[in-house]
Protein backbone atom coordinates (compact mmCIF):
# COMPACT_ATOMS: atom_id res chain seq x y z
CA MET A 1 17.42 -15.09 39.89
CA SER A 2 16.10 -16.44 36.23
CA PHE A 3 14.32 -14.31 33.28
CA PHE A 4 10.71 -16.37 33.07
CA SER A 5 11.02 -15.73 37.40
CA LYS A 6 11.81 -11.83 36.89
CA LEU A 7 8.74 -11.66 34.29
CA ASP A 8 6.63 -13.36 37.05
CA LEU A 9 4.11 -15.04 34.33
CA GLU A 10 1.51 -16.36 36.97
CA GLY A 11 1.56 -13.19 39.23
CA ARG A 12 1.02 -10.89 36.40
CA PHE A 13 -2.10 -13.72 35.09
CA LEU A 14 -3.37 -13.46 38.02
CA GLU A 15 -3.47 -9.29 38.16
CA ILE A 16 -4.92 -9.14 34.64
CA VAL A 17 -7.47 -11.77 35.60
CA ARG A 18 -9.05 -9.61 38.92
CA ARG A 19 -8.38 -6.02 36.97
CA PHE A 20 -9.77 -7.17 33.06
CA PRO A 21 -11.79 -10.21 33.30
CA ILE A 22 -13.59 -9.47 29.95
CA VAL A 23 -10.53 -8.14 28.36
CA ILE A 24 -8.39 -11.35 28.97
CA LEU A 25 -11.31 -13.67 28.17
CA PHE A 26 -12.00 -11.69 24.95
CA ALA A 27 -7.66 -12.26 24.54
CA LEU A 28 -7.83 -16.41 25.09
CA ALA A 29 -11.15 -16.08 22.80
CA THR A 30 -8.79 -14.47 19.67
CA THR A 31 -5.66 -16.59 20.02
CA VAL A 32 -7.84 -19.73 20.07
CA THR A 33 -9.93 -19.42 17.82
CA LEU A 34 -7.12 -18.45 15.16
CA ILE A 35 -5.19 -21.80 16.11
CA VAL A 36 -8.27 -23.47 15.23
CA LEU A 37 -8.24 -21.35 12.05
CA LEU A 38 -5.27 -22.80 11.32
CA ASP A 39 -6.47 -26.42 11.17
CA ASN A 40 -9.69 -25.71 9.61
CA ASN A 41 -9.50 -22.95 7.65
CA TYR A 42 -14.01 -23.20 6.05
CA GLY A 43 -16.96 -21.58 6.74
CA ASP A 44 -17.69 -18.61 8.53
CA LEU A 45 -14.64 -19.53 11.49
CA PHE A 46 -12.62 -16.89 10.47
CA LYS A 47 -15.17 -14.69 11.60
CA TRP A 48 -14.60 -15.49 15.50
CA PRO A 49 -11.34 -14.35 15.95
CA VAL A 50 -11.97 -11.14 13.90
CA SER A 51 -15.00 -10.39 16.37
CA ALA A 52 -12.86 -11.36 19.28
CA PHE A 53 -10.35 -8.80 18.12
CA ILE A 54 -12.81 -6.46 18.04
CA GLY A 55 -14.54 -7.32 21.32
CA PHE A 56 -11.10 -7.37 22.90
CA LEU A 57 -10.48 -3.54 22.24
CA ALA A 58 -13.58 -2.40 23.18
CA MET A 59 -14.42 -3.90 26.34
CA LEU A 60 -10.62 -2.68 27.14
CA ASN A 61 -12.15 1.02 26.28
CA TRP A 62 -15.11 0.03 28.88
CA SER A 63 -12.61 -1.05 31.54
CA LEU A 64 -10.70 2.06 31.32
CA PHE A 65 -13.88 4.19 31.47
CA ARG A 66 -14.66 2.26 34.60
CA GLU A 67 -11.44 2.38 36.16
CA ALA A 68 -11.35 6.52 35.13
CA TYR A 69 -14.47 7.45 36.60
CA LEU A 70 -15.97 5.09 39.06
CA LEU A 71 -18.43 3.50 37.66
CA SER A 72 -20.57 1.19 40.15
CA VAL A 73 -20.50 -2.82 39.11
CA THR A 74 -24.05 -2.59 38.02
CA LYS A 75 -23.07 -0.03 35.51
CA TYR A 76 -20.12 -1.86 34.42
CA TRP A 77 -22.08 -5.32 33.19
CA ILE A 78 -24.65 -3.36 31.68
CA GLY A 79 -21.91 -1.75 29.54
CA VAL A 80 -20.68 -5.44 29.45
CA LEU A 81 -23.76 -6.71 27.63
CA VAL A 82 -24.24 -3.67 25.42
CA ILE A 83 -21.08 -4.19 23.85
CA LEU A 84 -21.94 -8.32 23.79
CA ALA A 85 -24.92 -7.37 22.06
CA LEU A 86 -23.34 -4.63 19.67
CA LEU A 87 -20.72 -7.38 18.88
CA GLY A 88 -23.96 -9.93 18.21
CA ILE A 89 -24.16 -7.59 15.00
CA TYR A 90 -21.56 -6.68 13.83
CA TYR A 91 -20.75 -10.49 14.01
CA LEU A 92 -24.32 -10.80 12.19
CA GLN A 93 -23.28 -7.99 9.78
CA MET A 94 -19.59 -10.05 8.82
CA PRO A 95 -19.81 -10.96 5.18
CA SER A 96 -18.89 -14.67 5.04
CA ASP A 97 -15.40 -13.57 2.76
CA PHE A 98 -13.09 -11.33 1.71
CA SER A 99 -14.10 -10.57 -1.84
CA GLU A 100 -13.67 -7.11 -3.07
CA THR A 101 -17.73 -6.19 -3.51
CA LYS A 102 -18.05 -6.47 0.38
CA SER A 103 -14.75 -4.38 0.66
CA CYS A 104 -16.73 -1.74 2.34
CA PHE A 105 -17.01 -3.47 5.26
CA TRP A 106 -13.45 -4.56 5.76
CA PHE A 107 -13.12 -0.91 5.44
CA PHE A 108 -15.57 0.04 8.20
CA THR A 109 -13.72 -2.70 10.78
CA ILE A 110 -10.30 -1.09 9.79
CA GLY A 111 -11.87 2.39 10.79
CA LEU A 112 -13.26 0.70 14.16
CA SER A 113 -10.08 -0.73 15.29
CA MET A 114 -8.05 2.24 15.01
CA ILE A 115 -10.85 4.20 16.74
CA LEU A 116 -11.08 1.90 19.22
CA HIS A 117 -7.41 2.18 19.37
CA PHE A 118 -7.23 5.67 19.70
CA LEU A 119 -9.82 6.20 22.59
CA VAL A 120 -7.22 4.02 24.73
CA ALA A 121 -5.19 7.25 24.64
CA VAL A 122 -7.92 9.54 25.50
CA ILE A 123 -11.09 7.85 27.21
CA PRO A 124 -9.58 8.60 30.71
CA PHE A 125 -9.21 12.39 30.03
CA PHE A 126 -12.56 12.95 28.62
CA LYS A 127 -13.24 15.72 31.47
CA THR A 128 -9.37 16.20 32.63
CA TRP A 129 -7.30 18.89 30.75
CA ASP A 130 -3.71 18.18 32.20
CA ASN A 131 -1.25 17.63 29.40
CA SER A 132 1.53 16.14 31.94
CA MET A 133 -1.32 12.97 32.96
CA PHE A 134 -2.11 13.15 30.07
CA THR A 135 1.33 12.25 28.22
CA SER A 136 2.62 10.63 31.06
CA PHE A 137 -0.37 8.18 31.33
CA ASN A 138 0.03 7.12 27.47
CA ILE A 139 4.27 7.38 27.49
CA SER A 140 3.41 5.03 30.24
CA VAL A 141 0.96 2.63 27.72
CA PHE A 142 3.43 3.18 24.53
CA ILE A 143 6.39 1.89 27.09
CA ALA A 144 4.35 -1.07 28.18
CA TRP A 145 3.59 -2.43 24.98
CA MET A 146 6.99 -2.48 23.70
CA GLN A 147 7.89 -3.36 26.87
CA ALA A 148 5.72 -6.31 26.27
CA ALA A 149 6.70 -6.65 22.63
CA LEU A 150 10.45 -7.08 23.71
CA TYR A 151 9.86 -9.97 26.02
CA GLY A 152 7.60 -11.70 23.52
CA ILE A 153 10.19 -11.74 20.97
CA VAL A 154 12.65 -13.37 23.95
CA LEU A 155 10.64 -15.87 24.96
CA TYR A 156 9.51 -17.22 20.88
CA LEU A 157 12.91 -17.51 20.10
CA ALA A 158 13.94 -19.03 23.07
CA LEU A 159 10.87 -21.21 22.66
CA SER A 160 11.37 -21.46 18.92
CA LEU A 161 14.41 -22.88 19.51
CA ALA A 162 13.33 -25.13 22.24
CA MET A 163 11.15 -26.77 19.42
CA LEU A 164 13.82 -26.92 17.15
CA ALA A 165 16.42 -28.93 19.38
CA LEU A 166 13.50 -31.30 19.75
CA ASP A 167 12.81 -31.66 16.59
CA GLN A 168 16.26 -31.88 15.32
CA LEU A 169 17.60 -34.25 18.06
CA PHE A 170 15.12 -36.84 18.95
CA GLU A 171 12.96 -36.83 14.98
CA ILE A 172 10.15 -35.22 15.82
CA ASN A 173 9.33 -33.30 12.63
CA ILE A 174 7.96 -31.07 13.96
CA LYS A 175 6.06 -28.95 11.09
CA SER A 176 6.57 -24.90 10.57
CA ILE A 177 3.08 -24.32 10.86
CA PHE A 178 3.58 -24.83 14.71
CA TYR A 179 6.18 -22.53 14.94
CA PHE A 180 3.14 -19.70 13.82
CA LYS A 181 1.24 -21.38 16.14
CA LEU A 182 3.57 -20.65 19.20
CA PHE A 183 3.77 -16.79 17.82
CA ILE A 184 0.49 -16.38 17.75
CA ILE A 185 -0.42 -17.81 21.46
CA VAL A 186 3.10 -15.78 22.72
CA THR A 187 1.67 -12.49 21.40
CA GLY A 188 -2.35 -13.66 22.15
CA ILE A 189 -1.63 -14.53 26.08
CA PHE A 190 1.57 -13.61 26.98
CA HIS A 191 2.25 -10.13 24.89
CA THR A 192 -1.06 -9.18 26.30
CA THR A 193 -0.77 -10.35 29.64
CA PHE A 194 2.55 -8.69 30.09
CA PHE A 195 1.37 -5.23 28.73
CA LEU A 196 -2.28 -5.17 30.44
CA SER A 197 -0.35 -5.68 33.37
CA GLU A 198 1.98 -2.74 33.07
CA LEU A 199 -0.67 -0.44 32.17
CA PRO A 200 -0.96 2.71 34.98
CA SER A 201 -3.10 1.42 37.92
CA ASP A 202 -3.67 5.22 38.24
CA LEU A 203 -4.99 6.58 35.39
CA HIS A 204 -4.25 10.66 36.30
CA LYS A 205 -1.34 10.42 38.09
CA THR A 206 1.83 11.89 37.00
CA TYR A 207 4.84 9.45 37.37
CA LEU A 208 8.58 11.65 37.13
CA PRO A 209 10.45 9.92 34.58
CA PRO A 210 13.86 8.92 36.26
CA LEU A 211 16.78 10.47 34.47
CA LYS A 212 18.53 7.61 34.31
CA SER A 213 17.04 5.46 31.52
CA ILE A 214 16.65 3.77 28.27
CA PHE A 215 13.69 5.62 26.58
CA ARG A 216 15.71 8.94 28.04
CA ILE A 217 18.32 8.60 26.19
CA PHE A 218 16.69 6.90 23.06
CA THR A 219 14.28 10.43 22.69
CA THR A 220 17.05 12.51 23.33
CA TYR A 221 20.21 10.80 21.34
CA VAL A 222 18.30 8.73 18.96
CA ALA A 223 14.71 10.08 17.96
CA VAL A 224 15.53 14.10 17.85
CA PRO A 225 18.83 13.34 15.93
CA ILE A 226 17.26 11.22 13.69
CA THR A 227 14.13 13.64 13.17
CA LEU A 228 16.54 16.38 12.08
CA LEU A 229 18.67 14.33 9.65
CA TYR A 230 15.36 13.78 8.09
CA GLY A 231 14.67 17.57 8.11
CA ILE A 232 17.64 18.58 6.67
CA ILE A 233 17.22 16.00 3.82
CA LEU A 234 13.90 17.43 3.23
CA TYR A 235 15.11 21.26 3.15
CA ALA A 236 17.66 19.74 0.97
CA TYR A 237 15.75 18.02 -1.73
CA ILE A 238 13.84 21.83 -1.42
CA ILE A 239 16.72 23.70 -2.39
CA ARG A 240 17.79 21.58 -4.76
CA MET A 241 14.46 21.62 -6.79
CA ALA A 242 14.55 26.01 -6.28
CA ILE A 243 17.94 26.11 -7.76
CA SER A 244 18.05 23.27 -10.56
CA ASP A 245 13.99 24.06 -11.37
CA GLY A 246 13.66 19.91 -12.01
CA PRO A 247 10.75 18.35 -11.61
CA MET A 248 9.38 16.87 -8.09
CA VAL A 249 10.58 13.31 -7.35
CA ASP A 250 6.82 11.57 -7.62
CA TRP A 251 7.43 10.02 -4.10
CA VAL A 252 8.34 12.69 -2.12
CA PHE A 253 5.47 12.77 -0.32
CA VAL A 254 6.77 9.12 1.19
CA MET A 255 9.72 10.16 2.67
CA VAL A 256 7.42 13.50 4.18
CA LEU A 257 5.32 11.25 6.29
CA TRP A 258 8.02 9.53 7.59
CA TYR A 259 9.72 12.70 8.73
CA PHE A 260 6.29 13.93 10.11
CA LEU A 261 5.86 10.41 11.95
CA ALA A 262 9.00 10.26 13.76
CA GLY A 263 8.81 14.11 14.23
CA ILE A 264 5.03 13.57 16.08
CA LEU A 265 6.34 10.72 17.95
CA THR A 266 9.61 12.53 19.19
CA TRP A 267 7.62 15.91 20.00
CA LEU A 268 5.06 13.78 22.00
CA PHE A 269 8.59 11.73 23.66
CA THR A 270 10.24 15.15 24.68
CA GLN A 271 6.81 16.55 25.93
CA TYR A 272 7.76 13.65 28.85
CA TYR A 273 10.45 15.29 29.58
CA ASN A 274 8.85 18.63 30.13
CA ASN A 275 9.56 18.76 33.92
CA ASP A 276 12.91 18.46 35.80
CA SER A 277 14.33 15.73 33.66
CA ASP A 278 14.41 17.98 30.42
CA HIS A 279 17.50 18.11 28.08
CA SER A 280 18.54 21.05 26.66
CA LEU A 281 17.86 19.30 23.44
CA MET A 282 14.79 18.08 23.73
CA SER A 283 13.76 21.82 25.06
CA VAL A 284 15.10 23.04 21.38
CA PHE A 285 13.69 20.51 19.54
CA ARG A 286 9.91 20.90 21.38
CA THR A 287 9.91 24.62 20.34
CA TYR A 288 10.77 24.77 17.39
CA PHE A 289 9.96 21.41 15.54
CA PHE A 290 6.39 23.04 14.04
CA PRO A 291 7.47 25.88 13.09
CA ILE A 292 10.45 24.41 11.13
CA SER A 293 7.49 21.70 9.57
CA ILE A 294 6.00 24.27 7.92
CA ILE A 295 7.72 24.12 4.45
CA PRO A 296 8.06 20.56 4.25
CA ALA A 297 3.83 20.65 4.73
CA VAL A 298 3.64 22.67 2.03
CA LEU A 299 6.14 20.20 -0.07
CA LEU A 300 3.64 17.48 0.88
CA PHE A 301 0.09 18.56 0.25
CA THR A 302 2.44 19.88 -3.54
CA SER A 303 3.41 16.77 -4.02
CA LEU A 304 -0.11 14.76 -3.26
CA TYR A 305 -1.90 17.11 -5.57
CA LYS A 306 0.47 16.75 -8.33
CA ASN A 307 0.31 12.98 -7.59
CA MET A 308 -3.48 12.63 -7.76
CA ILE A 309 -4.09 15.50 -10.77
CA LYS A 310 -1.94 12.93 -12.41
CA ALA A 311 -3.20 9.74 -12.10
CA GLY A 312 -6.69 10.31 -9.93
CA ILE A 313 -7.58 10.03 -6.52
CA LYS A 314 -6.44 5.81 -5.58
CA GLU A 315 -6.72 4.57 -2.05
CA GLU A 316 -3.11 5.33 -0.71
CA LEU A 317 -3.75 8.42 -2.13
CA TYR A 318 -6.66 9.31 -0.30
CA LEU A 319 -5.40 7.78 3.18
CA THR A 320 -2.09 9.95 2.61
CA ALA A 321 -4.10 13.06 1.90
CA ILE A 322 -6.21 11.67 5.15
CA CYS A 323 -2.53 12.23 6.98
CA ALA A 324 -1.35 15.06 5.41
CA ALA A 325 -4.92 16.67 6.58
CA PHE A 326 -4.18 15.22 10.26
CA ILE A 327 -0.59 16.66 10.15
CA GLY A 328 -1.57 20.13 8.65
CA CYS A 329 -4.30 20.69 11.09
CA ILE A 330 -1.70 19.87 13.92
CA CYS A 331 0.97 21.83 12.61
CA ILE A 332 -1.73 25.16 12.68
CA TYR A 333 -2.84 24.49 16.23
CA MET A 334 0.68 24.54 17.26
CA ILE A 335 2.31 27.13 15.97
CA LEU A 336 -0.87 29.09 16.53
CA PRO A 337 -0.85 31.27 20.25
CA GLY A 338 -1.97 30.02 23.61
CA ARG A 339 -2.08 27.06 25.92
CA LYS A 340 -2.02 23.85 23.83
CA ASP A 341 -5.09 20.65 24.69
CA HIS A 342 -2.37 17.63 23.67
CA ARG A 343 -5.48 15.80 23.50
CA ILE A 344 -5.86 17.35 19.67
CA PHE A 345 -4.10 13.91 18.36
CA PRO A 346 -6.22 11.46 19.75
CA VAL A 347 -9.25 13.48 19.06
CA LEU A 348 -7.91 14.89 15.91
CA LEU A 349 -6.81 10.71 14.69
CA ILE A 350 -10.92 9.72 15.83
CA LEU A 351 -12.68 12.29 13.62
CA LEU A 352 -10.55 11.87 10.76
CA SER A 353 -11.01 7.60 10.88
CA ILE A 354 -15.01 8.67 11.15
CA VAL A 355 -13.97 10.95 7.91
CA ALA A 356 -11.78 8.18 6.26
CA PHE A 357 -13.99 4.67 6.87
CA TRP A 358 -17.26 5.44 7.84
CA SER A 359 -18.43 8.72 5.64
CA GLY A 360 -20.05 7.00 3.74
CA PRO A 361 -19.36 8.44 -0.41
CA TRP A 362 -17.14 10.43 1.10
CA SER A 363 -14.78 7.41 2.75
CA VAL A 364 -11.90 5.27 0.98
CA CYS A 365 -14.18 2.63 0.28
CA THR A 366 -16.41 4.61 -2.23
CA LEU A 367 -14.52 8.35 -3.46
CA PRO A 368 -11.88 6.92 -4.95
CA VAL A 369 -13.84 4.83 -7.18
CA THR A 370 -16.32 7.47 -7.55
CA HIS A 371 -13.28 9.77 -8.68
CA GLN A 372 -11.59 7.26 -10.93
CA GLN A 373 -14.72 6.84 -13.01
CA HIS A 374 -14.97 10.56 -13.27
CA ARG A 375 -11.93 10.89 -14.54
CA LEU A 376 -12.18 8.03 -17.13
CA ILE A 377 -15.02 9.84 -18.52
CA SER A 378 -13.76 13.17 -18.40
CA ASP A 379 -10.46 11.65 -20.31
CA LEU A 380 -12.71 9.56 -22.97
CA GLN A 381 -14.25 12.58 -23.54
CA SER A 382 -11.20 14.64 -24.46
CA LYS A 383 -10.25 11.89 -26.74
CA GLY A 384 -13.75 11.93 -28.36
CA LEU A 385 -14.20 8.83 -27.36
CA ILE A 386 -17.36 9.97 -25.19
CA LYS A 387 -19.66 12.36 -27.28
CA ASP A 388 -22.83 13.98 -26.17
CA GLY A 389 -22.78 11.34 -23.90
CA ILE A 390 -22.89 8.06 -26.67
CA LEU A 391 -19.81 6.05 -26.33
CA MET A 392 -17.50 6.05 -29.54
CA THR A 393 -15.19 4.57 -31.53
CA ASP A 394 -12.55 4.69 -34.12
CA THR A 395 -11.26 1.27 -36.06
CA LEU A 396 -9.34 3.10 -38.46
CA SER A 397 -6.98 4.76 -35.55
CA MET A 398 -5.16 4.21 -32.94
CA ILE A 399 -5.66 6.09 -29.15
CA LYS A 400 -2.75 7.51 -28.10
CA ASP A 401 -2.18 6.48 -23.98
CA THR A 402 1.28 7.43 -22.91
CA ASN A 403 1.85 6.66 -19.32
CA GLY A 404 -0.68 4.31 -19.62
CA ILE A 405 -3.75 6.98 -17.57
CA LEU A 406 -7.02 5.57 -19.33
CA SER A 407 -5.72 2.12 -18.63
CA GLY A 408 -4.69 2.23 -14.93
CA HIS A 409 -8.53 4.09 -15.01
CA LEU A 410 -9.72 0.83 -17.01
CA TYR A 411 -7.67 -1.76 -14.55
CA PHE A 412 -8.27 -0.13 -10.96
CA LEU A 413 -12.35 -0.08 -11.61
CA GLU A 414 -12.34 -3.34 -12.77
CA SER A 415 -10.75 -4.68 -9.54
CA ARG A 416 -13.13 -3.05 -7.79
CA ASN A 417 -15.75 -4.52 -9.74
CA ALA A 418 -17.41 -0.90 -11.36
CA LEU A 419 -16.82 -1.13 -14.77
CA SER A 420 -20.32 -1.45 -15.08
CA PHE A 421 -21.58 1.82 -15.19
CA ILE A 422 -20.10 2.53 -18.46
CA LYS A 423 -22.70 0.35 -20.13
CA GLU A 424 -24.99 3.73 -19.39
CA TYR A 425 -22.89 5.07 -22.55
CA ASP A 426 -23.06 2.08 -24.80
CA LYS A 427 -26.44 4.00 -26.62
CA ASN A 428 -25.09 2.27 -29.65
CA GLY A 429 -23.97 -1.42 -28.35
CA LEU A 430 -20.45 -1.57 -29.09
CA ILE A 431 -19.91 -3.72 -25.51
CA LYS A 432 -20.88 -6.94 -26.20
CA VAL A 433 -21.15 -8.28 -22.98
CA PRO A 434 -24.21 -7.57 -19.73
CA ALA A 435 -23.06 -4.26 -17.46
CA ASP A 436 -21.50 -6.52 -14.42
CA SER A 437 -19.08 -8.70 -16.71
CA VAL A 438 -17.59 -5.39 -18.84
CA LYS A 439 -14.02 -6.00 -17.36
CA ALA A 440 -10.64 -3.94 -19.19
CA TYR A 441 -9.74 -5.91 -21.88
CA HIS A 442 -13.04 -5.86 -23.64
CA LEU A 443 -12.64 -1.28 -23.52
CA LEU A 444 -9.17 -1.96 -24.48
CA ASN A 445 -9.62 -3.89 -27.83
CA LEU A 446 -12.56 -1.68 -28.41
CA TRP A 447 -10.35 1.60 -28.52
CA HIS A 448 -6.93 -0.13 -28.98
CA LEU A 449 -5.23 1.30 -25.99
CA ASP A 450 -2.77 -1.92 -26.06
CA GLN A 451 -1.75 -1.32 -29.32
CA TYR A 452 -0.26 2.13 -28.35
CA ASN A 453 3.44 2.43 -28.32
CA ILE A 454 4.38 3.31 -24.73
CA GLN A 455 7.97 5.36 -23.87
CA LYS A 456 8.61 3.28 -20.85
CA SER A 457 11.76 5.52 -20.76
CA GLN A 458 13.96 8.20 -22.44
CA SER A 459 16.05 4.75 -23.22
CA GLN A 460 13.85 2.51 -24.09
CA TRP A 461 10.69 1.89 -26.30
CA GLU A 462 8.06 -0.27 -26.84
CA VAL A 463 4.89 -1.29 -29.49
CA VAL A 464 2.33 -3.88 -30.41
CA PHE A 465 1.32 -3.12 -33.84
CA PRO A 466 -3.01 -3.83 -34.83
CA ASP A 467 -3.80 -7.22 -36.35
CA ARG A 468 -3.73 -7.36 -40.27
CA LYS A 469 -7.15 -8.95 -41.76
CA THR A 470 -4.83 -10.35 -44.93
CA ILE A 471 -0.95 -10.42 -45.45
CA ASP A 472 0.74 -10.13 -48.98
CA SER A 473 2.70 -12.91 -49.73
CA ARG A 474 2.27 -13.27 -53.51
CA GLY A 475 6.21 -13.95 -54.74
CA TYR A 476 7.59 -15.29 -51.79
CA GLU A 477 8.69 -18.86 -50.85
CA LYS A 478 8.39 -19.93 -47.42
CA ILE A 479 7.54 -18.97 -43.69
CA ILE A 480 10.66 -18.56 -41.80
CA PRO A 481 10.63 -18.47 -37.63
CA LEU A 482 12.35 -15.08 -36.23
CA TYR A 483 13.92 -16.30 -32.52
CA ASN A 484 14.86 -13.50 -30.50
CA PRO A 485 18.03 -14.26 -28.02
CA TYR A 486 18.78 -17.39 -26.04
CA SER A 487 16.13 -19.27 -28.38
CA LEU A 488 16.29 -22.96 -29.07
CA ILE A 489 17.06 -23.03 -33.35
CA ILE A 490 15.33 -25.91 -34.27
CA THR A 491 15.28 -24.88 -38.57
CA THR A 492 18.48 -23.87 -41.66
CA ASP A 493 16.16 -21.11 -42.08
CA TYR A 494 15.76 -18.20 -39.77
CA ILE A 495 15.91 -14.88 -38.60
CA MET A 496 18.04 -14.60 -35.52
CA LEU A 497 18.06 -11.30 -32.76
CA ASP A 498 21.25 -11.55 -31.20
CA GLU A 499 22.03 -10.36 -27.66
CA ASN A 500 23.54 -6.84 -29.04
CA GLY A 501 20.28 -6.18 -31.01
CA GLN A 502 20.80 -7.01 -34.54
CA LEU A 503 19.32 -9.16 -36.80
CA LYS A 504 21.10 -11.70 -38.97
CA LEU A 505 19.45 -13.40 -41.65
CA ILE A 506 20.75 -17.70 -42.21
CA ALA A 507 19.66 -19.26 -44.96
CA GLU A 508 20.39 -22.86 -46.11
CA GLY A 509 22.19 -23.26 -42.52
CA LYS A 510 24.60 -20.32 -43.83
CA ASP A 511 25.00 -16.73 -42.45
CA GLN A 512 24.05 -14.14 -45.05
CA GLY A 513 24.25 -11.12 -43.56
CA LYS A 514 23.16 -8.76 -41.00
CA LEU A 515 19.47 -7.08 -41.93
CA SER A 516 19.22 -3.09 -41.32
CA ILE A 517 15.19 -3.05 -40.35
CA HIS A 518 15.80 -2.15 -36.58
CA SER A 519 15.68 1.47 -37.55
CA ASP A 520 12.50 0.96 -39.29
CA ILE A 521 10.83 -1.14 -36.35
CA TYR A 522 11.53 2.30 -34.64
CA LYS A 523 10.17 4.65 -37.16
CA MET A 524 6.98 2.23 -37.21
CA SER A 525 6.62 2.16 -33.51
CA GLN A 526 6.13 5.63 -33.79
CA TYR A 527 3.15 5.78 -35.44
CA PRO A 528 1.30 1.79 -34.97
CA ALA A 529 -1.64 2.92 -36.92
CA GLY A 530 0.20 3.76 -40.24
CA GLY A 531 2.17 0.62 -41.33
CA ASN A 532 3.82 -2.56 -39.48
CA VAL A 533 5.57 -3.89 -42.94
CA THR A 534 9.23 -3.80 -43.81
CA GLU A 535 11.31 -5.19 -46.71
CA GLU A 536 14.96 -5.69 -47.38
CA VAL A 537 17.53 -7.69 -49.83
CA VAL A 538 20.54 -9.60 -47.66
CA SER A 539 22.56 -11.29 -50.17
CA ASP A 540 20.86 -13.52 -52.35
CA TYR A 541 17.55 -13.23 -50.48
CA ALA A 542 14.60 -10.80 -50.11
CA VAL A 543 12.77 -10.63 -46.85
CA LYS A 544 9.34 -9.68 -46.10
CA ILE A 545 8.93 -8.98 -42.43
CA ILE A 546 5.34 -7.72 -40.38
CA VAL A 547 6.31 -7.15 -37.08
CA TYR A 548 3.21 -7.89 -33.90
CA SER A 549 4.96 -6.71 -31.63
CA ALA A 550 9.01 -5.15 -30.39
CA VAL A 551 10.77 -3.90 -27.60
CA GLY A 552 14.23 -1.93 -27.98
CA LYS A 553 16.54 0.34 -26.86
CA ILE A 554 17.88 3.96 -27.57
CA THR A 555 21.02 4.94 -27.32
CA GLN A 556 23.02 7.56 -28.22
CA LYS A 557 25.01 6.18 -31.44
CA ASP A 558 22.35 4.16 -32.53
CA THR A 559 18.76 2.08 -32.29
CA THR A 560 18.43 -1.32 -31.36
CA VAL A 561 15.46 -3.57 -30.77
CA THR A 562 16.16 -6.26 -27.84
CA ASN A 563 12.65 -8.52 -28.87
CA CYS A 564 10.66 -8.81 -31.53
CA GLU A 565 7.32 -10.37 -32.70
CA ALA A 566 7.01 -10.75 -36.43
CA LEU A 567 5.82 -13.44 -39.38
CA VAL A 568 8.84 -13.43 -41.58
CA LEU A 569 8.27 -14.58 -45.64
CA LEU A 570 11.83 -15.62 -47.57
CA LYS A 571 12.39 -15.79 -51.15
CA LYS A 572 15.89 -16.52 -52.95
CA ILE A 573 16.59 -13.70 -55.82
CA ILE A 574 16.86 -15.59 -59.27
CA LYS A 575 19.71 -13.36 -60.61
């Protein structure tokens, strides 16, 4: 029996058409409109696949609800009509582009998609509290999706190789876009058909898992050990920090999130075998995972707090905080005494999705922007750039912006079209453009933030000096170029910066010697407002260098310049 005959695609398709007719219709609509969109990307056409996908998820939930609570045919079709009406309203409210000004709608769509996904896990169990049934159903859904994905990959590779063979053997010249269309067809039709056909027909039945299965072997000998390995690494890092008293790595919260993602999924997998199919390793893991995860959870919140204090709240940190809130609530719930209701997982995820995407001023679309605005005003007040609610500037000094905190606020707010509020503080008319046209560079130039030396690390530095209105060139004969390493040289008089960070004067086509001004440039970079001019005599020549910008390295023995933009004046000394 062949691979495709075992899959019984025709039988599976007929089965789900009878069981999920509206669901498969929306799956087909999503697939077809996506393919059409690839060839005709204009107007509002992209609204169709987005709406069809949301309709697919909504109809799947409604179909499961009908089966779980034995709704009559009349009630089912009334629900279908209501969903279609709501979907029509959603379509009409959808913006015609993906611009940042409309980003809140797309955050709303992401939240809606996530909620509809999580509802699949809990819809059959609104009235039924049975952890065994809940776990059995959701593990069956997970396995069905993974099997469908695996078979989909195999089918896509087989058909892609067939297309490639036809292309090469018969010179058909199949365009690459057709391979992507094939992927959409396999994902939208085959994967969906196989997945829906594998959903349990009895939603409230507890299936006893087999003792010998790939999923049981994976859970016992792969998922549990990997989670424990992540935990050991985190605890080793915590011990290292405690012993060395060193700083916390900024991105440590990412590792903690991976630990909890693997750990919570593995814990749910082991619940599937909390019966006669259990294994001692899974049993121990179920018992002790959440208690031993308290310290990593504390590390997660600490790392998040430090990152938010450092750079303020942005979308990625906001969403990470939502994940951290989920992890914290689950850990506390699981270590408290009493019988546990596993429905807490999807229900809590639904509630947090509502908070993250639908809570208005507290949502991911709004809170990061307002927080960055408040941080910007606070930082400007601390630097004296806003006094008594009035925007100020100081043309005689440079504004320090170590680590680019102020610049980061400005560029973030510009990317969200949220800088217009700063005009409310501009009582003196310092900003010459309308509120809706304010850009980060307007404020950077106003405060000279982009002209301050920023230490990139302990071994590297850079500086951009303020422009000078006039340059004293009295007594000098010519202006010569300064060539950086690997530049094309087309003159006989120039200064060359070689790959070793050394400056050499070439005059009349001859090497006149090295300049020792790299240390002077580094010293000037420590206070850019103090000056950017240095002079030196080399052989029979006097050199005056007006530095515009420079990048260099600091070693234990010396300070070098690796790149420099400057105006160089030269004169020959008459003895």
